[in-house]
Amino acid sequence: MLGAKLGVSEYLRRVCQEIQRLDPAQIERLSELIEAAYDQGRFVFICGNGGSGANASHLCEDLAKCTLRDFESQRRLKVLSLTDNTAGIMAWANDEGYDRIFVEQLKNLAAPGDLLLAISGSGNSPNILKAVGWANEHGLTTVGITGFSGGQLRSLAHHSLHAAIDDMGMAESLHQVVFHWVIDDLYRRFSAKELSHAGAGAS
């Protein structure tokens, strides 16, 4: 917990340093993968535990709403956070084990060509690894979003977004910074498609 060792100014300086260490190509690739899912009418699924679960819910809400230029007529991104089905999560965790809470939802909902964004600070959460393993075997594209060393998830997923910081809170904060840029970038991308479509219709 870096905040227990650093004063506020030092902590904020460290956050800025860690932001600079992020790989822009990984961030842009995340945006491109979500855009591809949008273009192909595929579902984007998101999962995570704890703070990463809250980030998954937040990202889902932003992808669903904040990428829209026109609330009435714009085609929308199909996106779902697997962290938000409380009753389903409790049923699977209670009856079959917590490691199944995400993969069993994917078995109901996912199809080849869909996109799974799996968030795990450690990269070693069993329920995340099980979901990504199943997704890889069933034709989904997977992105591992990690901190620390990246754990098993970093190499298991097809694509990686890695914040190489050994602090869970800061890793989660860095993920959220990235997600907010991705939302803005997708708003730009989706808006350009809408304007192009509207221009073609007018002609």
Protein backbone atom coordinates (compact mmCIF):
# COMPACT_ATOMS: atom_id res chain seq x y z
CA MET A 1 0.00 0.00 0.00
CA LEU A 2 2.06 2.89 -1.30
CA GLY A 3 -0.25 5.46 0.24
CA ALA A 4 0.73 4.18 3.69
CA LYS A 5 4.37 5.00 2.95
CA LEU A 6 4.17 8.09 0.76
CA GLY A 7 2.79 11.53 1.50
CA VAL A 8 0.10 12.85 -0.78
CA SER A 9 2.46 14.83 -3.03
CA GLU A 10 4.84 11.91 -3.39
CA TYR A 11 1.93 9.57 -4.07
CA LEU A 12 0.54 11.80 -6.80
CA ARG A 13 3.99 12.11 -8.38
CA ARG A 14 4.24 8.33 -8.40
CA VAL A 15 0.85 8.04 -10.08
CA CYS A 16 2.03 10.41 -12.81
CA GLN A 17 5.22 8.40 -13.26
CA GLU A 18 3.26 5.14 -13.59
CA ILE A 19 0.90 6.69 -16.13
CA GLN A 20 3.93 7.57 -18.26
CA ARG A 21 5.09 3.94 -18.11
CA LEU A 22 1.88 2.57 -19.65
CA ASP A 23 2.19 1.25 -23.20
CA PRO A 24 0.11 3.46 -25.55
CA ALA A 25 -0.03 0.66 -28.13
CA GLN A 26 -1.78 -1.63 -25.66
CA ILE A 27 -4.30 1.07 -24.84
CA GLU A 28 -5.01 1.84 -28.49
CA ARG A 29 -5.37 -1.87 -29.21
CA LEU A 30 -8.06 -2.15 -26.51
CA SER A 31 -10.00 0.64 -28.21
CA GLU A 32 -9.58 -1.03 -31.61
CA LEU A 33 -10.83 -4.39 -30.31
CA ILE A 34 -13.95 -2.81 -28.84
CA GLU A 35 -14.54 -0.90 -32.08
CA ALA A 36 -14.25 -4.17 -34.02
CA ALA A 37 -16.85 -5.77 -31.74
CA TYR A 38 -19.13 -2.79 -32.35
CA ASP A 39 -18.69 -2.99 -36.13
CA GLN A 40 -19.41 -6.73 -36.15
CA GLY A 41 -22.37 -6.57 -33.75
CA ARG A 42 -20.52 -8.71 -31.19
CA PHE A 43 -20.94 -8.68 -27.42
CA VAL A 44 -18.32 -7.21 -25.10
CA PHE A 45 -18.21 -8.97 -21.72
CA ILE A 46 -16.29 -7.56 -18.74
CA CYS A 47 -15.37 -9.24 -15.46
CA GLY A 48 -13.31 -8.55 -12.35
CA ASN A 49 -13.29 -8.97 -8.57
CA GLY A 50 -13.41 -6.36 -5.81
CA GLY A 51 -12.13 -3.01 -7.02
CA SER A 52 -11.59 -4.52 -10.45
CA GLY A 53 -15.22 -5.64 -10.35
CA ALA A 54 -16.26 -2.07 -9.63
CA ASN A 55 -14.08 -0.96 -12.55
CA ALA A 56 -15.79 -3.56 -14.72
CA SER A 57 -19.22 -2.16 -13.81
CA HIS A 58 -18.05 1.41 -14.37
CA LEU A 59 -16.49 0.57 -17.73
CA CYS A 60 -19.65 -1.24 -18.81
CA GLU A 61 -21.84 1.75 -17.97
CA ASP A 62 -19.53 4.15 -19.79
CA LEU A 63 -19.29 1.92 -22.87
CA ALA A 64 -23.07 1.62 -23.01
CA LYS A 65 -23.88 5.31 -22.54
CA CYS A 66 -20.89 7.60 -22.97
CA THR A 67 -19.92 6.34 -26.43
CA LEU A 68 -23.23 7.60 -27.82
CA ARG A 69 -23.53 10.76 -29.85
CA ASP A 70 -27.22 10.27 -30.65
CA PHE A 71 -29.33 8.62 -27.93
CA GLU A 72 -32.28 8.02 -30.24
CA SER A 73 -30.98 6.55 -33.48
CA GLN A 74 -27.35 5.49 -33.05
CA ARG A 75 -26.55 1.79 -33.16
CA ARG A 76 -25.37 0.74 -29.73
CA LEU A 77 -22.52 -1.37 -28.40
CA LYS A 78 -23.62 -4.68 -26.88
CA VAL A 79 -21.85 -4.71 -23.51
CA LEU A 80 -22.40 -6.54 -20.23
CA SER A 81 -20.51 -6.65 -16.94
CA LEU A 82 -20.53 -10.19 -15.54
CA THR A 83 -19.96 -8.73 -12.06
CA ASP A 84 -23.50 -7.34 -11.85
CA ASN A 85 -25.69 -10.47 -11.88
CA THR A 86 -25.81 -10.70 -8.08
CA ALA A 87 -28.26 -13.58 -7.79
CA GLY A 88 -26.50 -15.61 -10.46
CA ILE A 89 -23.10 -15.02 -8.89
CA MET A 90 -24.36 -16.06 -5.46
CA ALA A 91 -26.02 -19.21 -6.84
CA TRP A 92 -22.92 -20.40 -8.66
CA ALA A 93 -20.58 -19.46 -5.81
CA ASN A 94 -22.72 -21.11 -3.15
CA ASP A 95 -23.58 -24.28 -5.06
CA GLU A 96 -20.55 -24.93 -7.28
CA GLY A 97 -17.68 -22.65 -6.23
CA TYR A 98 -16.62 -19.03 -6.61
CA ASP A 99 -14.25 -19.91 -9.44
CA ARG A 100 -17.28 -20.58 -11.69
CA ILE A 101 -19.15 -17.28 -11.28
CA PHE A 102 -18.00 -15.77 -14.60
CA VAL A 103 -17.47 -18.75 -16.86
CA GLU A 104 -20.96 -20.12 -16.23
CA GLN A 105 -22.49 -16.80 -17.33
CA LEU A 106 -20.39 -16.89 -20.49
CA LYS A 107 -21.71 -20.37 -21.26
CA ASN A 108 -25.23 -18.91 -21.29
CA LEU A 109 -24.48 -15.76 -23.24
CA ALA A 110 -21.27 -15.81 -25.27
CA ALA A 111 -20.72 -16.72 -28.90
CA PRO A 112 -17.63 -17.06 -31.08
CA GLY A 113 -16.34 -13.65 -32.10
CA ASP A 114 -17.40 -11.93 -28.88
CA LEU A 115 -14.86 -10.00 -26.77
CA LEU A 116 -14.01 -10.66 -23.11
CA LEU A 117 -12.23 -7.98 -21.05
CA ALA A 118 -10.88 -9.68 -17.92
CA ILE A 119 -9.58 -7.38 -15.16
CA SER A 120 -7.35 -8.80 -12.41
CA GLY A 121 -4.74 -6.77 -10.56
CA SER A 122 -2.77 -9.88 -9.64
CA GLY A 123 -3.54 -11.72 -12.86
CA ASN A 124 -4.09 -14.89 -10.84
CA SER A 125 -7.76 -14.83 -9.82
CA PRO A 126 -9.09 -18.36 -10.42
CA ASN A 127 -12.51 -17.21 -11.63
CA ILE A 128 -10.90 -14.85 -14.14
CA LEU A 129 -8.48 -17.50 -15.43
CA LYS A 130 -11.30 -20.04 -15.80
CA ALA A 131 -13.42 -17.57 -17.77
CA VAL A 132 -10.55 -16.58 -20.06
CA GLY A 133 -9.53 -20.19 -20.62
CA TRP A 134 -13.07 -21.13 -21.63
CA ALA A 135 -13.39 -18.03 -23.82
CA ASN A 136 -10.14 -18.86 -25.64
CA GLU A 137 -11.40 -22.38 -26.33
CA HIS A 138 -14.76 -21.15 -27.67
CA GLY A 139 -13.71 -18.53 -30.18
CA LEU A 140 -13.87 -15.33 -28.14
CA THR A 141 -11.15 -12.69 -28.24
CA THR A 142 -9.71 -12.07 -24.77
CA VAL A 143 -7.92 -9.14 -23.16
CA GLY A 144 -6.15 -9.47 -19.81
CA ILE A 145 -6.01 -6.20 -17.87
CA THR A 146 -3.48 -6.57 -15.07
CA GLY A 147 -1.12 -5.03 -12.53
CA PHE A 148 1.88 -6.38 -10.59
CA SER A 149 3.72 -8.92 -12.82
CA GLY A 150 0.55 -9.71 -14.78
CA GLY A 151 0.34 -13.21 -13.34
CA GLN A 152 -1.01 -16.06 -15.43
CA LEU A 153 -3.60 -13.83 -17.09
CA ARG A 154 -1.02 -11.75 -18.92
CA SER A 155 0.11 -14.71 -21.01
CA LEU A 156 -3.22 -16.57 -21.09
CA ALA A 157 -5.24 -13.80 -22.75
CA HIS A 158 -4.82 -13.01 -26.44
CA HIS A 159 -4.08 -9.35 -25.69
CA SER A 160 -2.68 -7.55 -22.67
CA LEU A 161 -3.10 -4.18 -20.99
CA HIS A 162 -0.55 -4.17 -18.21
CA ALA A 163 0.16 -1.65 -15.45
CA ALA A 164 3.47 -2.86 -14.00
CA ILE A 165 3.02 -1.56 -10.45
CA ASP A 166 3.13 -3.67 -7.28
CA ASP A 167 0.24 -1.87 -5.63
CA MET A 168 -3.38 -2.92 -6.08
CA GLY A 169 -4.97 0.48 -5.50
CA MET A 170 -2.66 2.23 -7.93
CA ALA A 171 -3.09 -0.52 -10.55
CA GLU A 172 -6.87 -0.15 -10.32
CA SER A 173 -6.54 3.64 -10.61
CA LEU A 174 -4.32 3.31 -13.68
CA HIS A 175 -6.83 0.98 -15.30
CA GLN A 176 -9.56 3.53 -14.72
CA VAL A 177 -7.48 6.33 -16.28
CA VAL A 178 -7.01 4.14 -19.35
CA PHE A 179 -10.69 3.23 -19.52
CA HIS A 180 -11.74 6.88 -19.52
CA TRP A 181 -9.47 7.61 -22.48
CA VAL A 182 -10.82 4.54 -24.30
CA ILE A 183 -14.39 5.77 -23.78
CA ASP A 184 -13.53 9.17 -25.27
CA ASP A 185 -11.69 7.56 -28.15
CA LEU A 186 -14.61 5.25 -28.90
CA TYR A 187 -16.99 8.20 -28.77
CA ARG A 188 -14.84 9.79 -31.49
CA ARG A 189 -14.70 6.60 -33.53
CA PHE A 190 -18.42 5.82 -33.26
CA SER A 191 -19.41 9.44 -33.94
CA ALA A 192 -17.35 9.45 -37.14
CA LYS A 193 -19.23 6.38 -38.33
CA GLU A 194 -22.58 8.00 -37.54
CA LEU A 195 -21.67 11.21 -39.34
CA SER A 196 -20.41 9.26 -42.33
CA HIS A 197 -23.61 7.23 -42.42
CA ALA A 198 -25.75 10.36 -42.13
CA GLY A 199 -23.80 12.01 -44.95
CA ALA A 200 -24.24 8.99 -47.19
CA GLY A 201 -27.96 8.99 -46.47
CA ALA A 202 -28.28 12.65 -47.37
CA SER A 203 -26.70 12.10 -50.76
